[in-house]
Protein backbone atom coordinates (compact mmCIF):
# COMPACT_ATOMS: atom_id res chain seq x y z
CA UNK A 1 22.34 -1.19 2.79
CA UNK A 2 22.29 0.72 6.08
CA UNK A 3 19.51 2.81 7.25
CA UNK A 4 19.27 6.64 7.51
CA UNK A 5 21.94 8.28 9.62
CA UNK A 6 22.39 11.09 11.88
CA UNK A 7 23.36 14.39 11.30
CA UNK A 8 25.10 16.38 13.93
CA UNK A 9 26.05 20.05 13.57
CA UNK A 10 27.32 22.62 16.06
CA UNK A 11 25.03 25.63 16.37
CA UNK A 12 27.16 28.68 14.35
CA UNK A 13 26.34 32.85 14.89
CA UNK A 14 24.90 32.40 11.55
CA UNK A 15 21.91 30.19 12.78
CA UNK A 16 21.34 32.86 15.92
CA UNK A 17 19.64 36.00 16.40
CA UNK A 18 21.39 38.98 18.27
CA UNK A 19 20.62 36.86 21.83
CA UNK A 20 22.29 33.78 20.82
CA UNK A 21 19.10 31.79 20.00
CA UNK A 22 18.45 29.75 17.40
CA UNK A 23 16.16 31.03 15.02
CA UNK A 24 13.06 29.15 14.47
CA UNK A 25 13.44 28.09 10.78
CA UNK A 26 16.84 26.70 11.26
CA UNK A 27 14.97 23.27 12.58
CA UNK A 28 13.25 22.93 9.45
CA UNK A 29 16.51 23.48 7.27
CA UNK A 30 18.19 20.75 9.30
CA UNK A 31 15.68 18.34 9.00
CA UNK A 32 15.68 18.91 5.53
CA UNK A 33 19.29 18.71 5.47
CA UNK A 34 19.61 15.50 7.18
CA UNK A 35 17.29 13.71 4.29
CA UNK A 36 19.62 15.05 1.45
CA UNK A 37 22.62 14.02 3.30
CA UNK A 38 21.13 10.73 3.75
CA UNK A 39 19.84 10.09 0.17
CA UNK A 40 23.04 11.72 -1.08
CA UNK A 41 25.05 8.81 0.97
CA UNK A 42 22.45 6.19 -0.50
CA UNK A 43 23.33 7.23 -3.97
CA UNK A 44 19.83 8.68 -4.49
CA UNK A 45 20.20 12.44 -4.08
CA UNK A 46 19.59 15.57 -5.50
CA UNK A 47 22.29 15.23 -8.15
CA UNK A 48 21.13 11.79 -9.40
CA UNK A 49 17.93 13.41 -9.73
CA UNK A 50 19.06 16.20 -11.54
CA UNK A 51 20.80 14.36 -13.70
CA UNK A 52 17.31 12.69 -14.91
CA UNK A 53 15.69 16.05 -15.57
CA UNK A 54 13.91 15.89 -11.79
CA UNK A 55 14.17 17.88 -8.63
CA UNK A 56 12.83 17.35 -5.43
CA UNK A 57 10.45 19.03 -3.61
CA UNK A 58 9.04 19.87 -0.43
CA UNK A 59 5.53 19.27 -0.63
CA UNK A 60 3.97 19.58 3.25
CA UNK A 61 6.24 20.96 6.42
CA UNK A 62 5.34 20.10 9.55
CA UNK A 63 7.39 21.10 12.72
CA UNK A 64 7.03 21.19 16.52
CA UNK A 65 9.21 23.45 18.81
CA UNK A 66 9.73 22.70 22.33
CA UNK A 67 12.90 24.39 23.24
CA UNK A 68 15.52 26.82 22.03
CA UNK A 69 18.84 25.75 21.08
CA UNK A 70 21.78 28.41 21.96
CA UNK A 71 25.12 29.46 20.03
CA UNK A 72 27.54 26.37 20.39
CA UNK A 73 24.93 24.09 21.50
CA UNK A 74 26.16 20.92 19.54
CA UNK A 75 22.81 19.48 18.12
CA UNK A 76 21.97 15.72 16.61
CA UNK A 77 19.02 15.28 14.14
CA UNK A 78 17.39 11.98 13.86
CA UNK A 79 15.42 10.88 10.51
CA UNK A 80 13.31 7.70 9.24
CA UNK A 81 11.26 7.03 6.73
CA UNK A 82 7.60 6.86 7.91
CA UNK A 83 5.70 6.01 4.29
CA UNK A 84 6.71 6.13 0.64
CA UNK A 85 4.21 6.07 -2.11
CA UNK A 86 4.24 6.40 -5.76
CA UNK A 87 4.89 9.74 -5.74
CA UNK A 88 5.53 11.46 -2.60
CA UNK A 89 7.60 10.09 0.67
CA UNK A 90 7.00 11.16 4.24
CA UNK A 91 9.96 11.44 6.51
CA UNK A 92 9.98 12.78 10.44
CA UNK A 93 12.90 13.80 12.67
CA UNK A 94 13.86 15.29 15.52
CA UNK A 95 16.47 17.84 16.72
CA UNK A 96 18.23 17.12 20.35
CA UNK A 97 20.65 19.25 22.10
CA UNK A 98 23.39 16.98 22.88
CA UNK A 99 24.55 17.03 26.36
CA UNK A 100 27.71 19.12 26.75
CA UNK A 101 29.54 19.75 29.97
CA UNK A 102 27.22 21.47 31.78
CA UNK A 103 24.53 21.77 28.99
CA UNK A 104 22.04 18.86 29.26
CA UNK A 105 20.45 16.67 26.50
CA UNK A 106 17.25 17.83 25.25
CA UNK A 107 14.61 17.35 22.50
CA UNK A 108 13.90 20.85 20.96
CA UNK A 109 11.77 20.36 17.77
CA UNK A 110 10.09 17.63 15.91
CA UNK A 111 8.78 17.54 12.03
CA UNK A 112 8.02 16.04 9.18
CA UNK A 113 8.59 16.62 5.50
CA UNK A 114 6.11 15.43 2.72
CA UNK A 115 8.63 15.33 -0.56
CA UNK A 116 7.82 14.94 -3.87
CA UNK A 117 9.86 14.48 -7.06
CA UNK A 118 9.05 17.72 -9.97
CA UNK A 119 9.76 17.21 -13.45
CA UNK A 120 11.95 20.02 -13.64
CA UNK A 121 10.72 21.21 -17.73
CA UNK A 122 7.18 21.03 -17.30
CA UNK A 123 7.29 21.24 -13.15
CA UNK A 124 4.80 18.55 -12.69
CA UNK A 125 4.86 15.94 -10.11
CA UNK A 126 6.29 12.80 -11.00
CA UNK A 127 6.38 9.45 -9.91
CA UNK A 128 9.36 8.69 -7.31
CA UNK A 129 11.97 7.05 -9.47
CA UNK A 130 12.52 3.27 -9.20
CA UNK A 131 16.18 3.48 -7.17
CA UNK A 132 14.76 6.47 -4.77
CA UNK A 133 11.47 4.64 -4.02
CA UNK A 134 13.77 1.20 -3.29
CA UNK A 135 16.41 3.11 -0.81
CA UNK A 136 13.17 4.53 1.02
CA UNK A 137 11.59 1.27 1.56
CA UNK A 138 14.79 -0.42 2.40
CA UNK A 139 15.29 2.21 5.02
CA UNK A 140 12.15 2.21 6.38
CA UNK A 141 11.72 -1.69 6.38
CA UNK A 142 14.97 -1.26 8.95
CA UNK A 143 13.46 0.63 11.15
CA UNK A 144 10.32 -1.49 11.78
CA UNK A 145 9.41 -4.57 9.88
CA UNK A 146 6.04 -3.39 8.80
CA UNK A 147 2.94 -5.38 9.53
CA UNK A 148 0.71 -6.60 6.56
CA UNK A 149 -1.59 -3.54 6.94
CA UNK A 150 1.19 -1.07 6.96
CA UNK A 151 2.99 -2.94 4.19
CA UNK A 152 -0.03 -2.52 2.11
CA UNK A 153 0.05 1.29 2.37
CA UNK A 154 3.09 1.18 0.51
CA UNK A 155 2.47 1.61 -3.16
């Protein structure tokens, strides 16, 4: 299995305010999109969950903003799996402006998502399905070989 891949996007007009600056909410959306596209690529995405009567929900979202992106900037979003538990997983990421001509590369924002799986019929959180949990753990372990203490944290 291959780990998580980068998401690359060019800032479009719809992402910006009248001054051409990317709206703060778009950074969280980019982070979530990077996670969802990776889950789809790994075969454990939203479609597979929906087929099981489940959906993926954001339980917690934290973002830290460092600089602004502008119209037509090229962005790169890197994500990684930080923790996988019985009913939740935590992923973090960073949004970078890529160097492009006279535009320098720069870290724009960092963030973290805690995701859970919810039963669509009852609305209750449920355990992560085994294929999703396995894929996330494999991605986490590809990023770093955990110490014994870190491995014990995963449920």
